[in-house]
C-alpha atoms as a PDB file:
ATOM      1  CA  MET A   1     -19.348   8.730 -34.918  1.00  0.00           C
ATOM      2  CA  PHE A   2     -21.157  12.061 -35.077  1.00  0.00           C
ATOM      3  CA  HIS A   3     -24.238  10.590 -36.766  1.00  0.00           C
ATOM      4  CA  SER A   4     -24.703   7.628 -34.439  1.00  0.00           C
ATOM      5  CA  LYS A   5     -27.721   7.175 -32.169  1.00  0.00           C
ATOM      6  CA  PRO A   6     -27.539   8.268 -28.529  1.00  0.00           C
ATOM      7  CA  ILE A   7     -26.300   5.654 -26.108  1.00  0.00           C
ATOM      8  CA  GLU A   8     -29.737   5.328 -24.474  1.00  0.00           C
ATOM      9  CA  GLU A   9     -31.341   4.355 -27.784  1.00  0.00           C
ATOM     10  CA  ARG A  10     -28.611   1.837 -28.573  1.00  0.00           C
ATOM     11  CA  ILE A  11     -28.986   0.221 -25.135  1.00  0.00           C
ATOM     12  CA  ALA A  12     -32.789   0.098 -25.498  1.00  0.00           C
ATOM     13  CA  GLU A  13     -32.519  -1.582 -28.912  1.00  0.00           C
ATOM     14  CA  ARG A  14     -30.007  -4.119 -27.640  1.00  0.00           C
ATOM     15  CA  GLN A  15     -32.190  -4.989 -24.636  1.00  0.00           C
ATOM     16  CA  ALA A  16     -35.256  -5.330 -26.862  1.00  0.00           C
ATOM     17  CA  GLN A  17     -33.426  -7.941 -28.955  1.00  0.00           C
ATOM     18  CA  ARG A  18     -32.496 -10.056 -25.944  1.00  0.00           C
ATOM     19  CA  PRO A  19     -34.750 -12.987 -25.042  1.00  0.00           C
ATOM     20  CA  SER A  20     -36.757 -12.770 -21.840  1.00  0.00           C
ATOM     21  CA  LEU A  21     -35.261 -14.313 -18.699  1.00  0.00           C
ATOM     22  CA  LYS A  22     -36.299 -17.825 -17.737  1.00  0.00           C
ATOM     23  CA  GLU A  23     -38.463 -18.198 -14.649  1.00  0.00           C
ATOM     24  CA  GLY A  24     -36.377 -18.799 -11.522  1.00  0.00           C
ATOM     25  CA  LYS A  25     -33.048 -18.012 -13.188  1.00  0.00           C
ATOM     26  CA  HIS A  26     -31.427 -15.258 -11.163  1.00  0.00           C
ATOM     27  CA  PHE A  27     -27.818 -15.438 -12.335  1.00  0.00           C
ATOM     28  CA  GLU A  28     -27.501 -15.038 -16.061  1.00  0.00           C
ATOM     29  CA  HIS A  29     -23.725 -14.666 -15.846  1.00  0.00           C
ATOM     30  CA  GLY A  30     -21.906 -17.901 -14.921  1.00  0.00           C
ATOM     31  CA  PRO A  31     -18.795 -16.397 -13.282  1.00  0.00           C
ATOM     32  CA  ALA A  32     -20.977 -14.107 -11.157  1.00  0.00           C
ATOM     33  CA  LYS A  33     -22.815 -17.149  -9.805  1.00  0.00           C
ATOM     34  CA  PHE A  34     -19.510 -18.886  -9.066  1.00  0.00           C
ATOM     35  CA  ILE A  35     -18.110 -15.856  -7.200  1.00  0.00           C
ATOM     36  CA  PHE A  36     -21.347 -15.382  -5.217  1.00  0.00           C
ATOM     37  CA  ILE A  37     -21.427 -19.019  -4.085  1.00  0.00           C
ATOM     38  CA  PHE A  38     -17.696 -18.928  -3.272  1.00  0.00           C
ATOM     39  CA  VAL A  39     -18.091 -15.828  -1.080  1.00  0.00           C
ATOM     40  CA  VAL A  40     -21.091 -17.270   0.777  1.00  0.00           C
ATOM     41  CA  VAL A  41     -19.284 -20.580   1.436  1.00  0.00           C
ATOM     42  CA  PHE A  42     -16.099 -18.736   2.456  1.00  0.00           C
ATOM     43  CA  VAL A  43     -17.973 -16.604   5.011  1.00  0.00           C
ATOM     44  CA  VAL A  44     -19.825 -19.590   6.486  1.00  0.00           C
ATOM     45  CA  VAL A  45     -16.667 -21.720   6.758  1.00  0.00           C
ATOM     46  CA  GLY A  46     -14.770 -18.761   8.246  1.00  0.00           C
ATOM     47  CA  HIS A  47     -17.410 -18.264  10.931  1.00  0.00           C
ATOM     48  CA  ILE A  48     -17.445 -21.960  11.813  1.00  0.00           C
ATOM     49  CA  ALA A  49     -13.629 -22.079  11.947  1.00  0.00           C
ATOM     50  CA  GLY A  50     -13.549 -18.987  14.150  1.00  0.00           C
ATOM     51  CA  LEU A  51     -16.150 -20.458  16.482  1.00  0.00           C
ATOM     52  CA  LEU A  52     -14.205 -23.716  16.787  1.00  0.00           C
ATOM     53  CA  LEU A  53     -10.977 -21.805  17.438  1.00  0.00           C
ATOM     54  CA  LEU A  54     -12.571 -19.714  20.192  1.00  0.00           C
ATOM     55  CA  MET A  55     -14.120 -22.832  21.725  1.00  0.00           C
ATOM     56  CA  ALA A  56     -10.739 -24.604  21.675  1.00  0.00           C
ATOM     57  CA  LEU A  57      -9.063 -21.617  23.364  1.00  0.00           C
ATOM     58  CA  GLY A  58     -11.794 -21.473  25.989  1.00  0.00           C
ATOM     59  CA  VAL A  59     -12.713 -17.857  25.275  1.00  0.00           C
ATOM     60  CA  HIS A  60     -16.219 -17.033  26.478  1.00  0.00           C
END
């Protein structure tokens, strides 16, 4: 433990070993993509449902 490399050097070596990202691929982590899409859809559906509710109640 006392003779190990600094964390910055270990991170740099690990990143150097990784392959380069593919063109147009923004989400490398599958669950992150799923959560992002879920949140966007949830917000859009929530806004549409709220608009329909306010229209049904006649609130201007």
